[in-house]
Amino acid sequence: MSGPWEGWEPPAGVAGWSDFHWWKVPSGRILQLIIISDGPLGYSGHFARGRMKPCQGEGCQLCSEGVGVQLRYLLAGVEPATRRVGIWDMGRSVALEVRDLAVSQGGLRGLWIQVSHHSHSRQSRTEVVRITDTVPGWIRTMEIPNVSRALVETWRKAGETIPPGYEKAAGVVAKTGSVRSKIRSSLRGV
């Protein structure tokens, strides 16, 4: 991408990856999220060179090097204090905790949770607690971001090879509108 552009929308050449925020829960901080996904998106990956990388399936170089495969789950959520939408990537044990909280609530969408770590260690266990406050009404109008597209575009930005089947699931980037503009549109009525 080169040269200036006008307006708030990202230029066409960035392929949409700038639309997505990934929620991280740093040690010592508490993150509150209201889940807006109807269900999780799952993928298998390897933690290598400081980040999650997609498993390429048969013939995967990281598998052949003996790097362990992890099941990962993605959910879209909104931080209620800022109304910022993002995507949360979690491992299987945390995903099962979230599933159990969703079952007790009667569904995933609208589940209000607090996410934290037990200690300041990077290997600290993630704790998820349900918040029983009434979910704000504006949550019903929030449009769910295309989580598949966020995953594919994040991998693309990082220079990863996209595993078979993910490109089709993510949809054609050019036909998918900006998530930011959709969020702004949904908030105008609040």
N, C-alpha and C. Protein backbone atom coordinates (compact mmCIF):
# COMPACT_ATOMS: atom_id res chain seq x y z
N MET A 1 0.86 -1.17 0.00
CA MET A 1 0.00 0.00 0.00
C MET A 1 0.90 1.23 0.00
N SER A 2 0.61 2.17 -0.86
CA SER A 2 1.39 3.40 -0.87
C SER A 2 0.48 4.58 -1.15
N GLY A 3 0.93 5.75 -0.77
CA GLY A 3 0.18 6.97 -1.03
C GLY A 3 -0.91 7.21 -0.01
N PRO A 4 -1.33 8.46 0.09
CA PRO A 4 -2.39 8.81 1.05
C PRO A 4 -3.78 8.42 0.54
N TRP A 5 -4.74 8.37 1.42
CA TRP A 5 -6.13 8.16 1.04
C TRP A 5 -6.99 9.10 1.87
N GLU A 6 -8.21 9.30 1.46
CA GLU A 6 -9.11 10.21 2.15
C GLU A 6 -10.23 9.44 2.83
N GLY A 7 -10.74 9.98 3.91
CA GLY A 7 -11.87 9.37 4.60
C GLY A 7 -11.44 8.43 5.70
N TRP A 8 -12.43 7.90 6.42
CA TRP A 8 -12.16 7.04 7.58
C TRP A 8 -12.00 5.58 7.22
N GLU A 9 -12.53 5.16 6.11
CA GLU A 9 -12.45 3.75 5.73
C GLU A 9 -11.04 3.40 5.29
N PRO A 10 -10.58 2.19 5.61
CA PRO A 10 -9.24 1.80 5.16
C PRO A 10 -9.21 1.69 3.64
N PRO A 11 -8.05 1.90 3.04
CA PRO A 11 -7.96 1.80 1.59
C PRO A 11 -8.23 0.39 1.10
N ALA A 12 -8.66 0.26 -0.13
CA ALA A 12 -9.05 -1.05 -0.69
C ALA A 12 -7.91 -2.06 -0.64
N GLY A 13 -6.68 -1.64 -0.73
CA GLY A 13 -5.55 -2.56 -0.80
C GLY A 13 -5.20 -3.29 0.47
N VAL A 14 -5.81 -2.97 1.60
CA VAL A 14 -5.42 -3.65 2.83
C VAL A 14 -6.21 -4.95 3.05
N ALA A 15 -7.09 -5.29 2.15
CA ALA A 15 -7.81 -6.58 2.16
C ALA A 15 -8.63 -6.81 3.42
N GLY A 16 -8.95 -5.78 4.16
CA GLY A 16 -9.88 -5.92 5.28
C GLY A 16 -9.31 -6.35 6.60
N TRP A 17 -8.03 -6.73 6.68
CA TRP A 17 -7.54 -7.24 7.96
C TRP A 17 -7.54 -6.18 9.05
N SER A 18 -7.51 -4.91 8.69
CA SER A 18 -7.47 -3.86 9.70
C SER A 18 -8.81 -3.68 10.41
N ASP A 19 -9.85 -4.34 9.93
CA ASP A 19 -11.16 -4.23 10.56
C ASP A 19 -11.27 -4.99 11.87
N PHE A 20 -10.33 -5.85 12.20
CA PHE A 20 -10.52 -6.79 13.28
C PHE A 20 -9.61 -6.52 14.47
N HIS A 21 -10.19 -6.58 15.65
CA HIS A 21 -9.46 -6.44 16.91
C HIS A 21 -9.46 -7.82 17.57
N TRP A 22 -8.32 -8.23 18.10
CA TRP A 22 -8.21 -9.51 18.80
C TRP A 22 -8.09 -9.22 20.29
N TRP A 23 -9.01 -9.78 21.08
CA TRP A 23 -8.97 -9.59 22.52
C TRP A 23 -7.85 -10.40 23.13
N LYS A 24 -7.04 -9.77 23.94
CA LYS A 24 -6.00 -10.43 24.73
C LYS A 24 -6.27 -10.08 26.18
N VAL A 25 -5.94 -10.99 27.08
CA VAL A 25 -6.16 -10.75 28.49
C VAL A 25 -4.79 -10.74 29.17
N PRO A 26 -4.20 -9.55 29.29
CA PRO A 26 -2.89 -9.47 29.93
C PRO A 26 -2.98 -9.83 31.41
N SER A 27 -1.87 -10.34 31.94
CA SER A 27 -1.82 -10.67 33.37
C SER A 27 -2.14 -9.44 34.20
N GLY A 28 -2.88 -9.65 35.25
CA GLY A 28 -3.22 -8.57 36.16
C GLY A 28 -4.37 -7.69 35.70
N ARG A 29 -4.95 -7.99 34.55
CA ARG A 29 -6.06 -7.19 34.05
C ARG A 29 -7.31 -8.05 33.93
N ILE A 30 -8.45 -7.46 34.09
CA ILE A 30 -9.72 -8.16 33.95
C ILE A 30 -10.40 -7.63 32.69
N LEU A 31 -10.86 -8.53 31.86
CA LEU A 31 -11.56 -8.17 30.63
C LEU A 31 -13.01 -8.61 30.77
N GLN A 32 -13.93 -7.68 30.55
CA GLN A 32 -15.35 -8.04 30.51
C GLN A 32 -15.78 -8.07 29.05
N LEU A 33 -16.45 -9.14 28.67
CA LEU A 33 -16.96 -9.30 27.32
C LEU A 33 -18.40 -9.78 27.35
N ILE A 34 -19.17 -9.30 26.39
CA ILE A 34 -20.50 -9.88 26.14
C ILE A 34 -20.36 -10.57 24.80
N ILE A 35 -20.60 -11.87 24.80
CA ILE A 35 -20.43 -12.67 23.58
C ILE A 35 -21.55 -12.35 22.61
N ILE A 36 -21.19 -12.10 21.35
CA ILE A 36 -22.20 -11.82 20.33
C ILE A 36 -22.23 -12.90 19.25
N SER A 37 -21.37 -13.90 19.37
CA SER A 37 -21.40 -15.04 18.45
C SER A 37 -22.54 -15.97 18.84
N ASP A 38 -23.11 -16.62 17.84
CA ASP A 38 -24.12 -17.65 18.12
C ASP A 38 -23.46 -18.99 18.42
N GLY A 39 -22.23 -19.16 17.97
CA GLY A 39 -21.47 -20.38 18.20
C GLY A 39 -20.01 -20.12 17.89
N PRO A 40 -19.12 -21.00 18.38
CA PRO A 40 -17.70 -20.79 18.15
C PRO A 40 -17.26 -21.25 16.76
N LEU A 41 -16.16 -20.68 16.32
CA LEU A 41 -15.46 -21.16 15.13
C LEU A 41 -14.21 -21.85 15.65
N GLY A 42 -13.96 -23.07 15.21
CA GLY A 42 -12.80 -23.80 15.69
C GLY A 42 -11.77 -24.02 14.60
N TYR A 43 -10.52 -24.14 15.03
CA TYR A 43 -9.44 -24.49 14.11
C TYR A 43 -8.36 -25.21 14.90
N SER A 44 -7.49 -25.92 14.23
CA SER A 44 -6.35 -26.54 14.91
C SER A 44 -5.10 -25.76 14.53
N GLY A 45 -4.24 -25.58 15.51
CA GLY A 45 -3.05 -24.79 15.27
C GLY A 45 -1.88 -25.25 16.12
N HIS A 46 -0.75 -24.64 15.85
CA HIS A 46 0.49 -24.92 16.58
C HIS A 46 0.98 -23.61 17.18
N PHE A 47 1.43 -23.66 18.43
CA PHE A 47 2.07 -22.48 19.00
C PHE A 47 3.55 -22.59 18.67
N ALA A 48 3.99 -21.74 17.77
CA ALA A 48 5.38 -21.77 17.32
C ALA A 48 5.88 -20.35 17.08
N ARG A 49 7.10 -20.12 17.46
CA ARG A 49 7.74 -18.81 17.26
C ARG A 49 6.88 -17.66 17.82
N GLY A 50 6.32 -17.91 19.02
CA GLY A 50 5.62 -16.86 19.74
C GLY A 50 4.19 -16.57 19.31
N ARG A 51 3.61 -17.41 18.44
CA ARG A 51 2.23 -17.14 17.99
C ARG A 51 1.56 -18.43 17.54
N MET A 52 0.23 -18.37 17.45
CA MET A 52 -0.52 -19.51 16.93
C MET A 52 -0.42 -19.50 15.41
N LYS A 53 -0.11 -20.65 14.87
CA LYS A 53 -0.02 -20.82 13.42
C LYS A 53 -0.99 -21.92 13.02
N PRO A 54 -1.61 -21.81 11.85
CA PRO A 54 -2.58 -22.83 11.45
C PRO A 54 -1.91 -24.16 11.14
N CYS A 55 -2.56 -25.25 11.54
CA CYS A 55 -2.10 -26.58 11.14
C CYS A 55 -2.51 -26.78 9.69
N GLN A 56 -1.59 -27.24 8.89
CA GLN A 56 -1.86 -27.43 7.46
C GLN A 56 -2.43 -28.81 7.15
N GLY A 57 -2.67 -29.61 8.19
CA GLY A 57 -3.23 -30.94 7.95
C GLY A 57 -2.16 -31.89 7.44
N GLU A 58 -2.56 -32.76 6.52
CA GLU A 58 -1.62 -33.74 5.97
C GLU A 58 -0.42 -33.03 5.34
N GLY A 59 0.77 -33.42 5.75
CA GLY A 59 1.97 -32.80 5.22
C GLY A 59 2.39 -31.53 5.94
N CYS A 60 1.78 -31.23 7.08
CA CYS A 60 2.09 -30.01 7.83
C CYS A 60 3.53 -30.07 8.35
N GLN A 61 4.30 -29.04 8.04
CA GLN A 61 5.70 -28.96 8.45
C GLN A 61 5.83 -28.95 9.98
N LEU A 62 4.98 -28.20 10.67
CA LEU A 62 5.06 -28.12 12.12
C LEU A 62 4.70 -29.45 12.78
N CYS A 63 3.76 -30.17 12.20
CA CYS A 63 3.44 -31.51 12.72
C CYS A 63 4.66 -32.43 12.57
N SER A 64 5.32 -32.36 11.41
CA SER A 64 6.48 -33.21 11.17
C SER A 64 7.65 -32.85 12.08
N GLU A 65 7.70 -31.60 12.55
CA GLU A 65 8.75 -31.18 13.49
C GLU A 65 8.40 -31.54 14.93
N GLY A 66 7.21 -32.11 15.15
CA GLY A 66 6.80 -32.52 16.49
C GLY A 66 6.19 -31.43 17.34
N VAL A 67 5.82 -30.30 16.73
CA VAL A 67 5.17 -29.22 17.47
C VAL A 67 3.73 -29.65 17.72
N GLY A 68 3.31 -29.64 18.98
CA GLY A 68 1.99 -30.11 19.35
C GLY A 68 0.85 -29.32 18.70
N VAL A 69 -0.23 -30.04 18.42
CA VAL A 69 -1.42 -29.42 17.84
C VAL A 69 -2.38 -29.05 18.97
N GLN A 70 -2.95 -27.86 18.87
CA GLN A 70 -3.93 -27.39 19.85
C GLN A 70 -5.24 -27.12 19.14
N LEU A 71 -6.34 -27.45 19.82
CA LEU A 71 -7.65 -27.06 19.33
C LEU A 71 -7.92 -25.65 19.83
N ARG A 72 -8.32 -24.76 18.93
CA ARG A 72 -8.56 -23.36 19.27
C ARG A 72 -10.00 -23.01 18.92
N TYR A 73 -10.58 -22.10 19.66
CA TYR A 73 -11.96 -21.68 19.47
C TYR A 73 -12.01 -20.16 19.43
N LEU A 74 -12.79 -19.62 18.50
CA LEU A 74 -12.92 -18.17 18.35
C LEU A 74 -14.36 -17.75 18.60
N LEU A 75 -14.51 -16.67 19.35
CA LEU A 75 -15.83 -16.07 19.60
C LEU A 75 -15.72 -14.56 19.41
N ALA A 76 -16.76 -13.96 18.87
CA ALA A 76 -16.83 -12.50 18.79
C ALA A 76 -17.46 -12.00 20.08
N GLY A 77 -16.89 -10.92 20.59
CA GLY A 77 -17.42 -10.33 21.81
C GLY A 77 -17.26 -8.83 21.79
N VAL A 78 -18.05 -8.18 22.61
CA VAL A 78 -18.00 -6.72 22.71
C VAL A 78 -17.70 -6.36 24.16
N GLU A 79 -16.79 -5.41 24.34
CA GLU A 79 -16.49 -4.90 25.67
C GLU A 79 -17.58 -3.89 26.02
N PRO A 80 -18.38 -4.14 27.05
CA PRO A 80 -19.53 -3.27 27.31
C PRO A 80 -19.17 -1.82 27.64
N ALA A 81 -18.04 -1.58 28.28
CA ALA A 81 -17.68 -0.21 28.66
C ALA A 81 -17.35 0.66 27.44
N THR A 82 -16.75 0.06 26.41
CA THR A 82 -16.33 0.83 25.24
C THR A 82 -17.14 0.52 23.99
N ARG A 83 -17.90 -0.56 24.03
CA ARG A 83 -18.65 -1.08 22.87
C ARG A 83 -17.73 -1.48 21.72
N ARG A 84 -16.49 -1.77 22.05
CA ARG A 84 -15.54 -2.20 21.03
C ARG A 84 -15.74 -3.69 20.78
N VAL A 85 -15.84 -4.04 19.52
CA VAL A 85 -16.04 -5.43 19.12
C VAL A 85 -14.68 -6.05 18.79
N GLY A 86 -14.51 -7.29 19.18
CA GLY A 86 -13.28 -8.00 18.88
C GLY A 86 -13.51 -9.49 18.86
N ILE A 87 -12.44 -10.21 18.63
CA ILE A 87 -12.50 -11.67 18.54
C ILE A 87 -11.57 -12.24 19.59
N TRP A 88 -12.07 -13.24 20.30
CA TRP A 88 -11.32 -13.86 21.39
C TRP A 88 -10.94 -15.27 20.97
N ASP A 89 -9.67 -15.59 21.04
CA ASP A 89 -9.12 -16.90 20.69
C ASP A 89 -8.79 -17.60 21.99
N MET A 90 -9.34 -18.81 22.17
CA MET A 90 -9.11 -19.54 23.42
C MET A 90 -8.85 -21.01 23.15
N GLY A 91 -8.23 -21.65 24.11
CA GLY A 91 -7.98 -23.09 24.03
C GLY A 91 -9.20 -23.89 24.43
N ARG A 92 -9.08 -25.19 24.31
CA ARG A 92 -10.22 -26.08 24.56
C ARG A 92 -10.74 -26.02 26.00
N SER A 93 -9.88 -25.99 26.98
CA SER A 93 -10.36 -26.02 28.37
C SER A 93 -11.18 -24.76 28.69
N VAL A 94 -10.72 -23.60 28.23
CA VAL A 94 -11.47 -22.36 28.46
C VAL A 94 -12.77 -22.39 27.66
N ALA A 95 -12.70 -22.91 26.42
CA ALA A 95 -13.90 -22.99 25.58
C ALA A 95 -14.98 -23.85 26.25
N LEU A 96 -14.57 -24.93 26.90
CA LEU A 96 -15.55 -25.79 27.58
C LEU A 96 -16.16 -25.07 28.78
N GLU A 97 -15.38 -24.24 29.48
CA GLU A 97 -15.94 -23.45 30.57
C GLU A 97 -16.98 -22.46 30.04
N VAL A 98 -16.65 -21.80 28.93
CA VAL A 98 -17.58 -20.85 28.32
C VAL A 98 -18.84 -21.57 27.87
N ARG A 99 -18.68 -22.75 27.27
CA ARG A 99 -19.84 -23.54 26.85
C ARG A 99 -20.75 -23.86 28.03
N ASP A 100 -20.17 -24.27 29.15
CA ASP A 100 -20.96 -24.61 30.32
C ASP A 100 -21.70 -23.38 30.87
N LEU A 101 -21.04 -22.22 30.85
CA LEU A 101 -21.71 -20.99 31.29
C LEU A 101 -22.86 -20.64 30.35
N ALA A 102 -22.64 -20.86 29.06
CA ALA A 102 -23.70 -20.57 28.06
C ALA A 102 -24.89 -21.49 28.25
N VAL A 103 -24.63 -22.76 28.55
CA VAL A 103 -25.72 -23.72 28.77
C VAL A 103 -26.54 -23.28 29.98
N SER A 104 -25.87 -22.85 31.04
CA SER A 104 -26.60 -22.44 32.25
C SER A 104 -27.41 -21.16 32.02
N GLN A 105 -26.99 -20.36 31.03
CA GLN A 105 -27.71 -19.13 30.70
C GLN A 105 -28.81 -19.38 29.67
N GLY A 106 -28.69 -20.43 28.89
CA GLY A 106 -29.68 -20.72 27.86
C GLY A 106 -29.23 -20.36 26.46
N GLY A 107 -27.96 -20.06 26.28
CA GLY A 107 -27.43 -19.74 24.96
C GLY A 107 -26.15 -18.93 25.07
N LEU A 108 -25.41 -18.91 24.00
CA LEU A 108 -24.12 -18.23 23.99
C LEU A 108 -24.24 -16.73 23.77
N ARG A 109 -25.04 -16.34 22.78
CA ARG A 109 -25.16 -14.91 22.47
C ARG A 109 -25.76 -14.17 23.66
N GLY A 110 -25.09 -13.10 24.08
CA GLY A 110 -25.53 -12.34 25.23
C GLY A 110 -24.91 -12.79 26.55
N LEU A 111 -24.06 -13.81 26.51
CA LEU A 111 -23.37 -14.25 27.72
C LEU A 111 -22.36 -13.18 28.12
N TRP A 112 -22.50 -12.67 29.34
CA TRP A 112 -21.61 -11.63 29.85
C TRP A 112 -20.61 -12.30 30.77
N ILE A 113 -19.34 -12.16 30.44
CA ILE A 113 -18.30 -12.84 31.21
C ILE A 113 -17.19 -11.88 31.62
N GLN A 114 -16.47 -12.32 32.63
CA GLN A 114 -15.27 -11.63 33.08
C GLN A 114 -14.13 -12.63 32.91
N VAL A 115 -13.07 -12.20 32.24
CA VAL A 115 -11.93 -13.08 31.95
C VAL A 115 -10.70 -12.50 32.64
N SER A 116 -9.97 -13.37 33.35
CA SER A 116 -8.75 -12.92 34.03
C SER A 116 -7.79 -14.10 34.16
N HIS A 117 -6.61 -13.81 34.67
CA HIS A 117 -5.61 -14.84 34.94
C HIS A 117 -5.39 -14.92 36.45
N HIS A 118 -5.04 -16.11 36.95
CA HIS A 118 -4.84 -16.31 38.38
C HIS A 118 -3.61 -15.58 38.90
N SER A 119 -2.61 -15.44 38.07
CA SER A 119 -1.39 -14.78 38.51
C SER A 119 -0.79 -13.99 37.35
N HIS A 120 0.34 -13.38 37.61
CA HIS A 120 1.00 -12.59 36.59
C HIS A 120 1.87 -13.44 35.66
N SER A 121 1.96 -14.72 35.90
CA SER A 121 2.74 -15.62 35.05
C SER A 121 2.07 -15.77 33.69
N ARG A 122 2.87 -15.87 32.62
CA ARG A 122 2.31 -16.04 31.28
C ARG A 122 1.59 -17.38 31.14
N GLN A 123 1.97 -18.36 31.95
CA GLN A 123 1.34 -19.67 31.91
C GLN A 123 0.18 -19.79 32.90
N SER A 124 -0.26 -18.68 33.44
CA SER A 124 -1.33 -18.67 34.42
C SER A 124 -2.64 -19.18 33.81
N ARG A 125 -3.41 -19.87 34.63
CA ARG A 125 -4.71 -20.39 34.21
C ARG A 125 -5.67 -19.24 33.96
N THR A 126 -6.43 -19.33 32.87
CA THR A 126 -7.45 -18.32 32.55
C THR A 126 -8.71 -18.64 33.34
N GLU A 127 -9.25 -17.64 34.00
CA GLU A 127 -10.49 -17.81 34.77
C GLU A 127 -11.61 -17.07 34.06
N VAL A 128 -12.74 -17.75 33.92
CA VAL A 128 -13.92 -17.16 33.28
C VAL A 128 -15.07 -17.23 34.27
N VAL A 129 -15.68 -16.08 34.53
CA VAL A 129 -16.78 -15.99 35.48
C VAL A 129 -17.96 -15.31 34.78
N ARG A 130 -19.14 -15.85 34.98
CA ARG A 130 -20.35 -15.24 34.40
C ARG A 130 -20.79 -14.04 35.23
N ILE A 131 -21.13 -12.96 34.54
CA ILE A 131 -21.69 -11.78 35.18
C ILE A 131 -23.20 -11.86 34.98
N THR A 132 -23.95 -11.74 36.06
CA THR A 132 -25.40 -11.94 35.99
C THR A 132 -26.19 -10.65 35.82
N ASP A 133 -25.50 -9.53 35.60
CA ASP A 133 -26.21 -8.26 35.36
C ASP A 133 -27.05 -8.38 34.09
N THR A 134 -28.03 -7.51 33.96
CA THR A 134 -28.86 -7.48 32.76
C THR A 134 -28.02 -6.97 31.59
N VAL A 135 -28.06 -7.71 30.50
CA VAL A 135 -27.31 -7.35 29.31
C VAL A 135 -27.96 -6.13 28.66
N PRO A 136 -27.16 -5.11 28.29
CA PRO A 136 -27.73 -3.92 27.67
C PRO A 136 -28.49 -4.25 26.38
N GLY A 137 -29.57 -3.52 26.12
CA GLY A 137 -30.40 -3.76 24.94
C GLY A 137 -29.69 -3.55 23.62
N TRP A 138 -28.68 -2.68 23.58
CA TRP A 138 -27.98 -2.42 22.31
C TRP A 138 -27.24 -3.65 21.80
N ILE A 139 -27.04 -4.65 22.64
CA ILE A 139 -26.37 -5.88 22.20
C ILE A 139 -27.18 -6.57 21.10
N ARG A 140 -28.51 -6.50 21.19
CA ARG A 140 -29.37 -7.17 20.20
C ARG A 140 -29.16 -6.63 18.79
N THR A 141 -28.71 -5.39 18.66
CA THR A 141 -28.53 -4.79 17.34
C THR A 141 -27.10 -4.94 16.81
N MET A 142 -26.21 -5.50 17.61
CA MET A 142 -24.82 -5.65 17.18
C MET A 142 -24.73 -6.69 16.07
N GLU A 143 -24.06 -6.34 15.02
CA GLU A 143 -23.83 -7.29 13.94
C GLU A 143 -22.60 -8.12 14.26
N ILE A 144 -22.67 -9.40 14.04
CA ILE A 144 -21.57 -10.30 14.34
C ILE A 144 -20.51 -10.18 13.24
N PRO A 145 -19.27 -9.89 13.62
CA PRO A 145 -18.23 -9.82 12.59
C PRO A 145 -17.99 -11.19 11.97
N ASN A 146 -17.45 -11.21 10.78
CA ASN A 146 -17.13 -12.45 10.09
C ASN A 146 -15.85 -13.01 10.70
N VAL A 147 -16.02 -13.92 11.66
CA VAL A 147 -14.89 -14.47 12.41
C VAL A 147 -13.97 -15.27 11.49
N SER A 148 -14.54 -16.00 10.54
CA SER A 148 -13.72 -16.76 9.58
C SER A 148 -12.83 -15.82 8.79
N ARG A 149 -13.39 -14.73 8.35
CA ARG A 149 -12.62 -13.76 7.57
C ARG A 149 -11.51 -13.16 8.42
N ALA A 150 -11.80 -12.84 9.67
CA ALA A 150 -10.78 -12.27 10.56
C ALA A 150 -9.61 -13.24 10.72
N LEU A 151 -9.93 -14.51 10.88
CA LEU A 151 -8.88 -15.52 11.05
C LEU A 151 -8.03 -15.62 9.79
N VAL A 152 -8.66 -15.74 8.64
CA VAL A 152 -7.94 -15.87 7.37
C VAL A 152 -7.10 -14.62 7.10
N GLU A 153 -7.67 -13.45 7.30
CA GLU A 153 -6.92 -12.22 7.02
C GLU A 153 -5.77 -12.02 7.99
N THR A 154 -5.93 -12.46 9.24
CA THR A 154 -4.84 -12.38 10.21
C THR A 154 -3.71 -13.32 9.80
N TRP A 155 -4.06 -14.54 9.39
CA TRP A 155 -3.04 -15.47 8.89
C TRP A 155 -2.35 -14.90 7.66
N ARG A 156 -3.14 -14.33 6.76
CA ARG A 156 -2.57 -13.76 5.54
C ARG A 156 -1.59 -12.63 5.86
N LYS A 157 -1.99 -11.76 6.77
CA LYS A 157 -1.13 -10.64 7.17
C LYS A 157 0.18 -11.15 7.76
N ALA A 158 0.12 -12.25 8.49
CA ALA A 158 1.32 -12.82 9.12
C ALA A 158 2.15 -13.65 8.14
N GLY A 159 1.68 -13.76 6.89
CA GLY A 159 2.43 -14.51 5.88
C GLY A 159 2.25 -16.01 5.96
N GLU A 160 1.20 -16.46 6.65
CA GLU A 160 0.94 -17.90 6.79
C GLU A 160 0.25 -18.43 5.54
N THR A 161 0.47 -19.71 5.27
CA THR A 161 -0.27 -20.39 4.23
C THR A 161 -1.65 -20.71 4.78
N ILE A 162 -2.68 -20.36 4.04
CA ILE A 162 -4.05 -20.59 4.51
C ILE A 162 -4.39 -22.06 4.27
N PRO A 163 -4.80 -22.78 5.34
CA PRO A 163 -5.12 -24.20 5.18
C PRO A 163 -6.31 -24.40 4.23
N PRO A 164 -6.36 -25.56 3.58
CA PRO A 164 -7.47 -25.85 2.67
C PRO A 164 -8.82 -25.72 3.37
N GLY A 165 -9.79 -25.12 2.67
CA GLY A 165 -11.14 -24.98 3.18
C GLY A 165 -11.43 -23.67 3.89
N TYR A 166 -10.41 -22.96 4.34
CA TYR A 166 -10.64 -21.73 5.09
C TYR A 166 -10.98 -20.54 4.19
N GLU A 167 -10.37 -20.46 3.02
CA GLU A 167 -10.65 -19.34 2.11
C GLU A 167 -12.13 -19.30 1.76
N LYS A 168 -12.69 -20.46 1.43
CA LYS A 168 -14.10 -20.52 1.05
C LYS A 168 -15.00 -20.16 2.22
N ALA A 169 -14.65 -20.62 3.42
CA ALA A 169 -15.46 -20.32 4.61
C ALA A 169 -15.45 -18.84 4.94
N ALA A 170 -14.34 -18.16 4.64
CA ALA A 170 -14.21 -16.75 4.97
C ALA A 170 -14.99 -15.86 4.00
N GLY A 171 -15.31 -16.37 2.82
CA GLY A 171 -16.03 -15.57 1.84
C GLY A 171 -15.08 -14.69 1.04
N VAL A 172 -15.62 -14.06 0.06
CA VAL A 172 -14.82 -13.19 -0.79
C VAL A 172 -14.66 -11.86 -0.07
N VAL A 173 -13.43 -11.48 0.18
CA VAL A 173 -13.15 -10.27 0.95
C VAL A 173 -13.76 -9.04 0.29
N ALA A 174 -13.65 -8.93 -1.01
CA ALA A 174 -14.14 -7.73 -1.70
C ALA A 174 -15.65 -7.55 -1.54
N LYS A 175 -16.38 -8.63 -1.34
CA LYS A 175 -17.84 -8.53 -1.22
C LYS A 175 -18.29 -8.34 0.22
N THR A 176 -17.36 -8.39 1.17
CA THR A 176 -17.70 -8.22 2.57
C THR A 176 -17.43 -6.79 2.96
N GLY A 177 -18.42 -6.10 3.48
CA GLY A 177 -18.26 -4.70 3.86
C GLY A 177 -17.39 -4.54 5.09
N SER A 178 -17.00 -3.35 5.37
CA SER A 178 -16.18 -3.05 6.53
C SER A 178 -16.94 -3.34 7.81
N VAL A 179 -16.31 -4.07 8.72
CA VAL A 179 -16.92 -4.36 10.01
C VAL A 179 -17.12 -3.07 10.79
N ARG A 180 -16.14 -2.16 10.71
CA ARG A 180 -16.26 -0.89 11.43
C ARG A 180 -17.48 -0.11 10.98
N SER A 181 -17.72 -0.05 9.67
CA SER A 181 -18.88 0.72 9.20
C SER A 181 -20.18 0.06 9.63
N LYS A 182 -20.21 -1.27 9.67
CA LYS A 182 -21.41 -1.96 10.14
C LYS A 182 -21.66 -1.69 11.61
N ILE A 183 -20.59 -1.66 12.40
CA ILE A 183 -20.72 -1.39 13.83
C ILE A 183 -21.21 0.03 14.03
N ARG A 184 -20.62 0.98 13.30
CA ARG A 184 -21.06 2.36 13.43
C ARG A 184 -22.54 2.49 13.07
N SER A 185 -22.95 1.77 12.01
CA SER A 185 -24.36 1.82 11.60
C SER A 185 -25.27 1.27 12.69
N SER A 186 -24.84 0.18 13.33
CA SER A 186 -25.68 -0.43 14.36
C SER A 186 -25.75 0.45 15.60
N LEU A 187 -24.71 1.25 15.87
CA LEU A 187 -24.72 2.10 17.05
C LEU A 187 -25.48 3.40 16.85
N ARG A 188 -25.70 3.80 15.60
CA ARG A 188 -26.42 5.05 15.35
C ARG A 188 -27.83 5.03 15.93
N GLY A 189 -28.44 3.85 15.98
CA GLY A 189 -29.81 3.75 16.49
C GLY A 189 -29.91 3.67 18.00
N VAL A 190 -28.77 3.71 18.69
CA VAL A 190 -28.79 3.56 20.15
C VAL A 190 -29.02 4.89 20.82
